[in-house]
Amino acid sequence: MSQKGSPGSHSANGSMGKGDVKMSAKDLYEQRKKYSNSNVIMHETSQYHVQHLATFMMDKSEAIVTVEDAIRKLKQLSSKEKIWAQEMLLQVNDKSIRLLDCGTQEELEDFLLPTVQHCQTVLNQMRYASILLLVCQDSEQHKPDIHFFNCDEVEAEMVHEDIESALADHKFGRKIRPQTLKVNQEKIKQRQSILPPPQGPAPIPFHDDNRGFQKNNRNRVIPLSQQEYDRQSSTSQDFEESRAALAQKIEKETQILNSALGDIELFV
């Protein structure tokens, strides 16, 4: 196992800190679009966008003797919001599982398939609902490491099936992975095709279409009530202008229309 800026180098017993930052709907869409494009399958190599959550050493001194112990500790860190999620790419080929930096493509770790002792999913047990777990130990390690990855762009089950098929082909000389990759590739395409568009700012009503105004019995235009305006406008909550600014704009346009109607009445 090579370690070049390994995620384990700064999270030997759990990644500390917070990785969740509130984003606008548009920014979230752009991020999901970017990361969805990172999920690709070409020939014998598959690539998935994941978030490294923590790496624990299986050690009695840390009260981690089993995989269940490690999951329990991750739950504790998650409940205390002491997990720093590191974005990265997880690649699987017929020889190893590689972790790459999302931006630079620099290799962070390379787990040869013979060093992977165990792979499983942890689903809906904490705030991270779709987690992939890897237990790895190379010849230079006295104790195995347990790595946790959040799979937010593809299901953890998909990555798990990919890795299990790669391990089976490597150990027993089977050829089941090509079919697994075919199925996964179809799932990725389906997911990308239903990626929701961003919710843009609500359009400002133009006075000629009467969507933002109504007339009273004296042929004067008055602004719609806030409830009526909200009902007729876009349901998007990502406003570019504050309600106060929008109200001022409507009031100004109302005055212009009233003035115009007053001039018309003078000539009638």
C-alpha atoms as a PDB file:
ATOM      1  CA  MET A   1       0.000   0.000   0.000  1.00  0.00           C
ATOM      2  CA  SER A   2       1.477   3.300  -1.051  1.00  0.00           C
ATOM      3  CA  GLN A   3       0.749   6.433   0.952  1.00  0.00           C
ATOM      4  CA  LYS A   4       1.213   9.758  -0.840  1.00  0.00           C
ATOM      5  CA  GLY A   5      -0.739  12.317   1.125  1.00  0.00           C
ATOM      6  CA  SER A   6      -2.867   9.475   2.401  1.00  0.00           C
ATOM      7  CA  PRO A   7      -6.203  10.312   4.011  1.00  0.00           C
ATOM      8  CA  GLY A   8      -5.050   8.138   6.867  1.00  0.00           C
ATOM      9  CA  SER A   9      -2.093  10.445   7.438  1.00  0.00           C
ATOM     10  CA  HIS A  10      -4.360  13.052   8.998  1.00  0.00           C
ATOM     11  CA  SER A  11      -7.109  10.808  10.313  1.00  0.00           C
ATOM     12  CA  ALA A  12      -5.528   7.775  11.902  1.00  0.00           C
ATOM     13  CA  ASN A  13      -8.266   7.649  14.495  1.00  0.00           C
ATOM     14  CA  GLY A  14     -11.067   9.596  12.919  1.00  0.00           C
ATOM     15  CA  SER A  15     -11.217  12.739  10.813  1.00  0.00           C
ATOM     16  CA  MET A  16     -11.920  15.705  13.014  1.00  0.00           C
ATOM     17  CA  GLY A  17     -13.804  18.847  12.066  1.00  0.00           C
ATOM     18  CA  LYS A  18     -16.809  19.721   9.984  1.00  0.00           C
ATOM     19  CA  GLY A  19     -17.098  19.267   6.255  1.00  0.00           C
ATOM     20  CA  ASP A  20     -20.651  20.459   5.680  1.00  0.00           C
ATOM     21  CA  VAL A  21     -21.045  23.989   4.286  1.00  0.00           C
ATOM     22  CA  LYS A  22     -24.445  25.396   3.347  1.00  0.00           C
ATOM     23  CA  MET A  23     -24.679  26.021  -0.392  1.00  0.00           C
ATOM     24  CA  SER A  24     -27.208  27.703  -2.652  1.00  0.00           C
ATOM     25  CA  ALA A  25     -29.397  25.551  -4.877  1.00  0.00           C
ATOM     26  CA  LYS A  26     -27.415  26.578  -7.955  1.00  0.00           C
ATOM     27  CA  ASP A  27     -24.034  25.878  -6.337  1.00  0.00           C
ATOM     28  CA  LEU A  28     -25.274  22.519  -5.107  1.00  0.00           C
ATOM     29  CA  TYR A  29     -26.486  21.633  -8.598  1.00  0.00           C
ATOM     30  CA  GLU A  30     -23.166  22.637 -10.178  1.00  0.00           C
ATOM     31  CA  GLN A  31     -21.264  20.599  -7.600  1.00  0.00           C
ATOM     32  CA  ARG A  32     -23.450  17.540  -8.118  1.00  0.00           C
ATOM     33  CA  LYS A  33     -23.118  17.917 -11.897  1.00  0.00           C
ATOM     34  CA  LYS A  34     -19.337  18.153 -11.576  1.00  0.00           C
ATOM     35  CA  TYR A  35     -19.095  15.137  -9.313  1.00  0.00           C
ATOM     36  CA  SER A  36     -21.566  13.109 -11.344  1.00  0.00           C
ATOM     37  CA  ASN A  37     -19.199  13.558 -14.276  1.00  0.00           C
ATOM     38  CA  SER A  38     -16.475  12.048 -12.071  1.00  0.00           C
ATOM     39  CA  ASN A  39     -18.381   8.772 -11.895  1.00  0.00           C
ATOM     40  CA  VAL A  40     -17.190   6.926 -14.980  1.00  0.00           C
ATOM     41  CA  ILE A  41     -16.440   3.385 -16.122  1.00  0.00           C
ATOM     42  CA  MET A  42     -13.945   2.761 -18.908  1.00  0.00           C
ATOM     43  CA  HIS A  43     -12.797  -0.720 -19.834  1.00  0.00           C
ATOM     44  CA  GLU A  44     -11.518  -2.373 -16.627  1.00  0.00           C
ATOM     45  CA  THR A  45     -11.321   0.829 -14.577  1.00  0.00           C
ATOM     46  CA  SER A  46     -14.224   2.369 -12.702  1.00  0.00           C
ATOM     47  CA  GLN A  47     -14.183   5.674 -10.846  1.00  0.00           C
ATOM     48  CA  TYR A  48     -16.534   7.015  -8.186  1.00  0.00           C
ATOM     49  CA  HIS A  49     -16.714  10.287  -6.295  1.00  0.00           C
ATOM     50  CA  VAL A  50     -16.633   9.593  -2.541  1.00  0.00           C
ATOM     51  CA  GLN A  51     -15.900  11.350   0.731  1.00  0.00           C
ATOM     52  CA  HIS A  52     -13.328   9.878   3.090  1.00  0.00           C
ATOM     53  CA  LEU A  53     -14.789  10.069   6.595  1.00  0.00           C
ATOM     54  CA  ALA A  54     -12.306   8.313   8.863  1.00  0.00           C
ATOM     55  CA  THR A  55      -9.627   5.655   9.155  1.00  0.00           C
ATOM     56  CA  PHE A  56      -9.277   3.592  12.331  1.00  0.00           C
ATOM     57  CA  MET A  57      -6.564   1.125  13.222  1.00  0.00           C
ATOM     58  CA  MET A  58      -7.891  -2.150  14.572  1.00  0.00           C
ATOM     59  CA  ASP A  59      -6.279  -1.922  17.983  1.00  0.00           C
ATOM     60  CA  LYS A  60      -7.333  -3.048  21.465  1.00  0.00           C
ATOM     61  CA  SER A  61      -5.819   0.080  22.983  1.00  0.00           C
ATOM     62  CA  GLU A  62      -8.332   2.109  20.965  1.00  0.00           C
ATOM     63  CA  ALA A  63     -11.182  -0.249  21.881  1.00  0.00           C
ATOM     64  CA  ILE A  64     -11.476  -1.263  18.237  1.00  0.00           C
ATOM     65  CA  VAL A  65     -11.245  -5.024  17.900  1.00  0.00           C
ATOM     66  CA  THR A  66     -13.983  -5.669  15.352  1.00  0.00           C
ATOM     67  CA  VAL A  67     -15.609  -3.897  12.432  1.00  0.00           C
ATOM     68  CA  GLU A  68     -18.643  -3.264  14.641  1.00  0.00           C
ATOM     69  CA  ASP A  69     -16.402  -1.414  17.109  1.00  0.00           C
ATOM     70  CA  ALA A  70     -15.178   0.849  14.309  1.00  0.00           C
ATOM     71  CA  ILE A  71     -18.734   1.538  13.130  1.00  0.00           C
ATOM     72  CA  ARG A  72     -19.728   2.393  16.685  1.00  0.00           C
ATOM     73  CA  LYS A  73     -16.868   4.877  16.970  1.00  0.00           C
ATOM     74  CA  LEU A  74     -17.768   6.491  13.651  1.00  0.00           C
ATOM     75  CA  LYS A  75     -21.338   6.922  14.897  1.00  0.00           C
ATOM     76  CA  GLN A  76     -20.020   8.666  17.999  1.00  0.00           C
ATOM     77  CA  LEU A  77     -17.927  11.069  15.928  1.00  0.00           C
ATOM     78  CA  SER A  78     -20.849  11.715  13.604  1.00  0.00           C
ATOM     79  CA  SER A  79     -23.232  12.477  16.478  1.00  0.00           C
ATOM     80  CA  LYS A  80     -20.728  15.013  17.822  1.00  0.00           C
ATOM     81  CA  GLU A  81     -20.160  16.491  14.341  1.00  0.00           C
ATOM     82  CA  LYS A  82     -16.477  15.661  14.543  1.00  0.00           C
ATOM     83  CA  ILE A  83     -16.066  14.241  11.061  1.00  0.00           C
ATOM     84  CA  TRP A  84     -14.231  16.112   8.331  1.00  0.00           C
ATOM     85  CA  ALA A  85     -15.308  14.709   4.968  1.00  0.00           C
ATOM     86  CA  GLN A  86     -12.502  14.789   2.391  1.00  0.00           C
ATOM     87  CA  GLU A  87     -13.592  14.737  -1.251  1.00  0.00           C
ATOM     88  CA  MET A  88     -11.728  12.232  -3.407  1.00  0.00           C
ATOM     89  CA  LEU A  89     -12.055   9.778  -6.259  1.00  0.00           C
ATOM     90  CA  LEU A  90     -12.076   6.033  -5.695  1.00  0.00           C
ATOM     91  CA  GLN A  91     -10.834   3.990  -8.647  1.00  0.00           C
ATOM     92  CA  VAL A  92     -11.172   0.232  -9.000  1.00  0.00           C
ATOM     93  CA  ASN A  93      -9.246  -1.851 -11.519  1.00  0.00           C
ATOM     94  CA  ASP A  94      -8.185  -5.483 -11.823  1.00  0.00           C
ATOM     95  CA  LYS A  95      -5.144  -4.949  -9.586  1.00  0.00           C
ATOM     96  CA  SER A  96      -5.937  -2.359  -6.927  1.00  0.00           C
ATOM     97  CA  ILE A  97      -8.202   0.248  -5.383  1.00  0.00           C
ATOM     98  CA  ARG A  98      -6.785   3.744  -5.766  1.00  0.00           C
ATOM     99  CA  LEU A  99      -7.689   6.973  -4.021  1.00  0.00           C
ATOM    100  CA  LEU A 100      -7.076  10.168  -6.004  1.00  0.00           C
ATOM    101  CA  ASP A 101      -7.295  13.872  -5.240  1.00  0.00           C
ATOM    102  CA  CYS A 102     -10.343  15.349  -6.999  1.00  0.00           C
ATOM    103  CA  GLY A 103      -8.520  18.408  -8.292  1.00  0.00           C
ATOM    104  CA  THR A 104      -4.969  17.312  -9.055  1.00  0.00           C
ATOM    105  CA  GLN A 105      -5.598  13.604  -9.690  1.00  0.00           C
ATOM    106  CA  GLU A 106      -2.658  12.956  -7.357  1.00  0.00           C
ATOM    107  CA  GLU A 107      -2.637   9.447  -5.932  1.00  0.00           C
ATOM    108  CA  LEU A 108      -3.361   9.462  -2.209  1.00  0.00           C
ATOM    109  CA  GLU A 109      -3.346   5.714  -1.601  1.00  0.00           C
ATOM    110  CA  ASP A 110      -3.159   2.496  -3.568  1.00  0.00           C
ATOM    111  CA  PHE A 111      -4.629  -0.645  -1.986  1.00  0.00           C
ATOM    112  CA  LEU A 112      -3.557  -3.741  -3.884  1.00  0.00           C
ATOM    113  CA  LEU A 113      -6.449  -6.203  -4.079  1.00  0.00           C
ATOM    114  CA  PRO A 114      -4.649  -8.894  -2.015  1.00  0.00           C
ATOM    115  CA  THR A 115      -4.436  -6.391   0.877  1.00  0.00           C
ATOM    116  CA  VAL A 116      -8.218  -5.893   0.992  1.00  0.00           C
ATOM    117  CA  GLN A 117      -9.469  -8.203   3.727  1.00  0.00           C
ATOM    118  CA  HIS A 118     -13.072  -7.089   3.921  1.00  0.00           C
ATOM    119  CA  CYS A 119     -15.577  -4.826   2.178  1.00  0.00           C
ATOM    120  CA  GLN A 120     -19.113  -3.973   3.250  1.00  0.00           C
ATOM    121  CA  THR A 121     -21.726  -1.226   3.329  1.00  0.00           C
ATOM    122  CA  VAL A 122     -23.122   0.657   6.303  1.00  0.00           C
ATOM    123  CA  LEU A 123     -26.555   2.004   5.406  1.00  0.00           C
ATOM    124  CA  ASN A 124     -28.875   4.438   7.184  1.00  0.00           C
ATOM    125  CA  GLN A 125     -27.184   4.203  10.561  1.00  0.00           C
ATOM    126  CA  MET A 126     -26.056   7.825  10.906  1.00  0.00           C
ATOM    127  CA  ARG A 127     -26.191  11.197   9.159  1.00  0.00           C
ATOM    128  CA  TYR A 128     -24.125   9.681   6.327  1.00  0.00           C
ATOM    129  CA  ALA A 129     -26.659   7.240   4.942  1.00  0.00           C
ATOM    130  CA  SER A 130     -24.578   5.369   2.346  1.00  0.00           C
ATOM    131  CA  ILE A 131     -21.140   4.319   3.590  1.00  0.00           C
ATOM    132  CA  LEU A 132     -18.543   1.982   2.121  1.00  0.00           C
ATOM    133  CA  LEU A 133     -16.195   0.229   4.542  1.00  0.00           C
ATOM    134  CA  LEU A 134     -12.813  -1.264   3.621  1.00  0.00           C
ATOM    135  CA  VAL A 135     -10.491  -3.293   5.852  1.00  0.00           C
ATOM    136  CA  CYS A 136      -6.954  -3.309   4.446  1.00  0.00           C
ATOM    137  CA  GLN A 137      -3.587  -4.586   5.644  1.00  0.00           C
ATOM    138  CA  ASP A 138      -0.360  -4.914   3.690  1.00  0.00           C
ATOM    139  CA  SER A 139       2.760  -6.869   4.599  1.00  0.00           C
ATOM    140  CA  GLU A 140       4.329  -3.878   6.351  1.00  0.00           C
ATOM    141  CA  GLN A 141       1.392  -3.299   8.682  1.00  0.00           C
ATOM    142  CA  HIS A 142       1.099  -5.070  12.017  1.00  0.00           C
ATOM    143  CA  LYS A 143      -2.601  -4.279  12.294  1.00  0.00           C
ATOM    144  CA  PRO A 144      -5.266  -3.651   9.661  1.00  0.00           C
ATOM    145  CA  ASP A 145      -6.854  -0.274   8.965  1.00  0.00           C
ATOM    146  CA  ILE A 146     -10.583   0.281   8.623  1.00  0.00           C
ATOM    147  CA  HIS A 147     -11.491   2.986   6.103  1.00  0.00           C
ATOM    148  CA  PHE A 148     -14.908   4.643   5.818  1.00  0.00           C
ATOM    149  CA  PHE A 149     -16.162   6.415   2.687  1.00  0.00           C
ATOM    150  CA  ASN A 150     -19.428   8.261   2.219  1.00  0.00           C
ATOM    151  CA  CYS A 151     -20.938   7.553  -1.200  1.00  0.00           C
ATOM    152  CA  ASP A 152     -23.097  10.597  -1.914  1.00  0.00           C
ATOM    153  CA  GLU A 153     -23.139  10.553  -5.720  1.00  0.00           C
ATOM    154  CA  VAL A 154     -23.534   6.808  -6.263  1.00  0.00           C
ATOM    155  CA  GLU A 155     -24.921   4.185  -3.924  1.00  0.00           C
ATOM    156  CA  ALA A 156     -22.455   2.440  -1.627  1.00  0.00           C
ATOM    157  CA  GLU A 157     -23.941  -0.885  -2.766  1.00  0.00           C
ATOM    158  CA  MET A 158     -22.828  -0.122  -6.323  1.00  0.00           C
ATOM    159  CA  VAL A 159     -19.212   0.475  -5.312  1.00  0.00           C
ATOM    160  CA  HIS A 160     -19.333  -2.543  -2.997  1.00  0.00           C
ATOM    161  CA  GLU A 161     -20.509  -4.844  -5.792  1.00  0.00           C
ATOM    162  CA  ASP A 162     -17.763  -3.515  -8.055  1.00  0.00           C
ATOM    163  CA  ILE A 163     -15.043  -4.169  -5.472  1.00  0.00           C
ATOM    164  CA  GLU A 164     -16.408  -7.610  -4.571  1.00  0.00           C
ATOM    165  CA  SER A 165     -16.436  -8.639  -8.232  1.00  0.00           C
ATOM    166  CA  ALA A 166     -12.852  -7.396  -8.662  1.00  0.00           C
ATOM    167  CA  LEU A 167     -11.764  -9.366  -5.579  1.00  0.00           C
ATOM    168  CA  ALA A 168     -13.534 -12.511  -6.780  1.00  0.00           C
ATOM    169  CA  ASP A 169     -11.982 -12.298 -10.241  1.00  0.00           C
ATOM    170  CA  HIS A 170      -8.541 -11.754  -8.724  1.00  0.00           C
ATOM    171  CA  LYS A 171      -8.774 -14.565  -6.159  1.00  0.00           C
ATOM    172  CA  PHE A 172     -10.602 -17.208  -8.119  1.00  0.00           C
ATOM    173  CA  GLY A 173      -9.915 -16.273 -11.727  1.00  0.00           C
ATOM    174  CA  ARG A 174     -13.565 -15.514 -12.415  1.00  0.00           C
ATOM    175  CA  LYS A 175     -14.867 -13.118 -15.040  1.00  0.00           C
ATOM    176  CA  ILE A 176     -17.899 -11.655 -13.304  1.00  0.00           C
ATOM    177  CA  ARG A 177     -16.694  -8.051 -13.091  1.00  0.00           C
ATOM    178  CA  PRO A 178     -17.414  -7.103 -16.752  1.00  0.00           C
ATOM    179  CA  GLN A 179     -21.111  -7.775 -16.163  1.00  0.00           C
ATOM    180  CA  THR A 180     -21.012  -5.868 -12.864  1.00  0.00           C
ATOM    181  CA  LEU A 181     -19.421  -2.888 -14.610  1.00  0.00           C
ATOM    182  CA  LYS A 182     -22.045  -3.021 -17.339  1.00  0.00           C
ATOM    183  CA  VAL A 183     -24.845  -2.857 -14.777  1.00  0.00           C
ATOM    184  CA  ASN A 184     -23.125  -0.071 -12.831  1.00  0.00           C
ATOM    185  CA  GLN A 185     -22.528   1.951 -15.974  1.00  0.00           C
ATOM    186  CA  GLU A 186     -26.219   1.819 -16.793  1.00  0.00           C
ATOM    187  CA  LYS A 187     -27.082   2.957 -13.262  1.00  0.00           C
ATOM    188  CA  ILE A 188     -24.689   5.902 -13.565  1.00  0.00           C
ATOM    189  CA  LYS A 189     -26.253   6.946 -16.878  1.00  0.00           C
ATOM    190  CA  GLN A 190     -29.730   6.776 -15.384  1.00  0.00           C
ATOM    191  CA  ARG A 191     -28.660   8.852 -12.401  1.00  0.00           C
ATOM    192  CA  GLN A 192     -27.077  11.520 -14.604  1.00  0.00           C
ATOM    193  CA  SER A 193     -30.185  11.699 -16.787  1.00  0.00           C
ATOM    194  CA  ILE A 194     -32.430  12.544 -13.826  1.00  0.00           C
ATOM    195  CA  LEU A 195     -30.101  15.066 -12.177  1.00  0.00           C
ATOM    196  CA  PRO A 196     -32.493  17.903 -11.229  1.00  0.00           C
ATOM    197  CA  PRO A 197     -31.857  21.373 -12.723  1.00  0.00           C
ATOM    198  CA  PRO A 198     -30.987  24.254 -10.424  1.00  0.00           C
ATOM    199  CA  GLN A 199     -33.737  26.426  -9.007  1.00  0.00           C
ATOM    200  CA  GLY A 200     -33.098  29.923 -10.284  1.00  0.00           C
ATOM    201  CA  PRO A 201     -34.348  33.199  -8.788  1.00  0.00           C
ATOM    202  CA  ALA A 202     -38.056  33.939  -9.047  1.00  0.00           C
ATOM    203  CA  PRO A 203     -38.822  36.136 -12.071  1.00  0.00           C
ATOM    204  CA  ILE A 204     -39.820  39.752 -11.381  1.00  0.00           C
ATOM    205  CA  PRO A 205     -43.321  40.268 -12.848  1.00  0.00           C
ATOM    206  CA  PHE A 206     -43.463  42.563 -15.878  1.00  0.00           C
ATOM    207  CA  HIS A 207     -46.337  45.070 -15.675  1.00  0.00           C
ATOM    208  CA  ASP A 208     -47.714  44.367 -19.163  1.00  0.00           C
ATOM    209  CA  ASP A 209     -48.722  40.786 -18.364  1.00  0.00           C
ATOM    210  CA  ASN A 210     -50.731  41.766 -15.249  1.00  0.00           C
ATOM    211  CA  ARG A 211     -49.324  38.859 -13.228  1.00  0.00           C
ATOM    212  CA  GLY A 212     -48.086  41.123 -10.440  1.00  0.00           C
ATOM    213  CA  PHE A 213     -50.955  43.566 -10.392  1.00  0.00           C
ATOM    214  CA  GLN A 214     -54.734  43.728 -10.214  1.00  0.00           C
ATOM    215  CA  LYS A 215     -57.273  46.514 -10.849  1.00  0.00           C
ATOM    216  CA  ASN A 216     -59.744  47.932  -8.364  1.00  0.00           C
ATOM    217  CA  ASN A 217     -63.212  49.218  -9.206  1.00  0.00           C
ATOM    218  CA  ARG A 218     -61.837  52.708  -9.960  1.00  0.00           C
ATOM    219  CA  ASN A 219     -59.627  51.450 -12.762  1.00  0.00           C
ATOM    220  CA  ARG A 220     -56.531  51.824 -10.578  1.00  0.00           C
ATOM    221  CA  VAL A 221     -53.880  49.165 -10.379  1.00  0.00           C
ATOM    222  CA  ILE A 222     -52.872  47.997  -6.928  1.00  0.00           C
ATOM    223  CA  PRO A 223     -50.211  45.472  -5.940  1.00  0.00           C
ATOM    224  CA  LEU A 224     -51.331  41.933  -5.340  1.00  0.00           C
ATOM    225  CA  SER A 225     -51.331  40.827  -1.741  1.00  0.00           C
ATOM    226  CA  GLN A 226     -48.181  39.032  -0.628  1.00  0.00           C
ATOM    227  CA  GLN A 227     -50.074  35.729  -0.449  1.00  0.00           C
ATOM    228  CA  GLU A 228     -51.441  36.096  -3.981  1.00  0.00           C
ATOM    229  CA  TYR A 229     -48.064  37.189  -5.315  1.00  0.00           C
ATOM    230  CA  ASP A 230     -46.280  34.237  -3.743  1.00  0.00           C
ATOM    231  CA  ARG A 231     -48.888  31.879  -5.188  1.00  0.00           C
ATOM    232  CA  GLN A 232     -48.506  33.180  -8.738  1.00  0.00           C
ATOM    233  CA  SER A 233     -44.745  33.562  -8.692  1.00  0.00           C
ATOM    234  CA  SER A 234     -42.197  30.783  -8.951  1.00  0.00           C
ATOM    235  CA  THR A 235     -41.965  28.519  -5.933  1.00  0.00           C
ATOM    236  CA  SER A 236     -38.201  28.987  -5.871  1.00  0.00           C
ATOM    237  CA  GLN A 237     -36.837  30.383  -2.629  1.00  0.00           C
ATOM    238  CA  ASP A 238     -33.559  31.563  -4.093  1.00  0.00           C
ATOM    239  CA  PHE A 239     -34.506  35.259  -4.489  1.00  0.00           C
ATOM    240  CA  GLU A 240     -31.889  37.665  -5.869  1.00  0.00           C
ATOM    241  CA  GLU A 241     -33.721  40.622  -4.363  1.00  0.00           C
ATOM    242  CA  SER A 242     -35.112  40.968  -0.887  1.00  0.00           C
ATOM    243  CA  ARG A 243     -38.818  41.223  -0.321  1.00  0.00           C
ATOM    244  CA  ALA A 244     -38.398  44.886   0.603  1.00  0.00           C
ATOM    245  CA  ALA A 245     -36.635  45.706  -2.667  1.00  0.00           C
ATOM    246  CA  LEU A 246     -39.244  43.774  -4.617  1.00  0.00           C
ATOM    247  CA  ALA A 247     -42.061  45.611  -2.852  1.00  0.00           C
ATOM    248  CA  GLN A 248     -40.447  48.955  -3.705  1.00  0.00           C
ATOM    249  CA  LYS A 249     -40.176  47.954  -7.364  1.00  0.00           C
ATOM    250  CA  ILE A 250     -43.837  46.926  -7.474  1.00  0.00           C
ATOM    251  CA  GLU A 251     -44.905  50.134  -5.750  1.00  0.00           C
ATOM    252  CA  LYS A 252     -42.916  52.235  -8.231  1.00  0.00           C
ATOM    253  CA  GLU A 253     -44.433  50.457 -11.219  1.00  0.00           C
ATOM    254  CA  THR A 254     -47.873  50.840  -9.637  1.00  0.00           C
ATOM    255  CA  GLN A 255     -47.377  54.606  -9.435  1.00  0.00           C
ATOM    256  CA  ILE A 256     -46.297  54.750 -13.078  1.00  0.00           C
ATOM    257  CA  LEU A 257     -49.352  52.799 -14.205  1.00  0.00           C
ATOM    258  CA  ASN A 258     -51.705  54.888 -12.082  1.00  0.00           C
ATOM    259  CA  SER A 259     -50.225  58.052 -13.562  1.00  0.00           C
ATOM    260  CA  ALA A 260     -50.629  56.691 -17.081  1.00  0.00           C
ATOM    261  CA  LEU A 261     -54.242  55.688 -16.425  1.00  0.00           C
ATOM    262  CA  GLY A 262     -54.910  59.137 -14.951  1.00  0.00           C
ATOM    263  CA  ASP A 263     -53.610  60.790 -18.117  1.00  0.00           C
ATOM    264  CA  ILE A 264     -55.798  58.522 -20.231  1.00  0.00           C
ATOM    265  CA  GLU A 265     -58.890  59.421 -18.204  1.00  0.00           C
ATOM    266  CA  LEU A 266     -58.239  63.126 -18.913  1.00  0.00           C
ATOM    267  CA  PHE A 267     -58.631  62.490 -22.626  1.00  0.00           C
ATOM    268  CA  VAL A 268     -61.711  60.249 -22.326  1.00  0.00           C
END
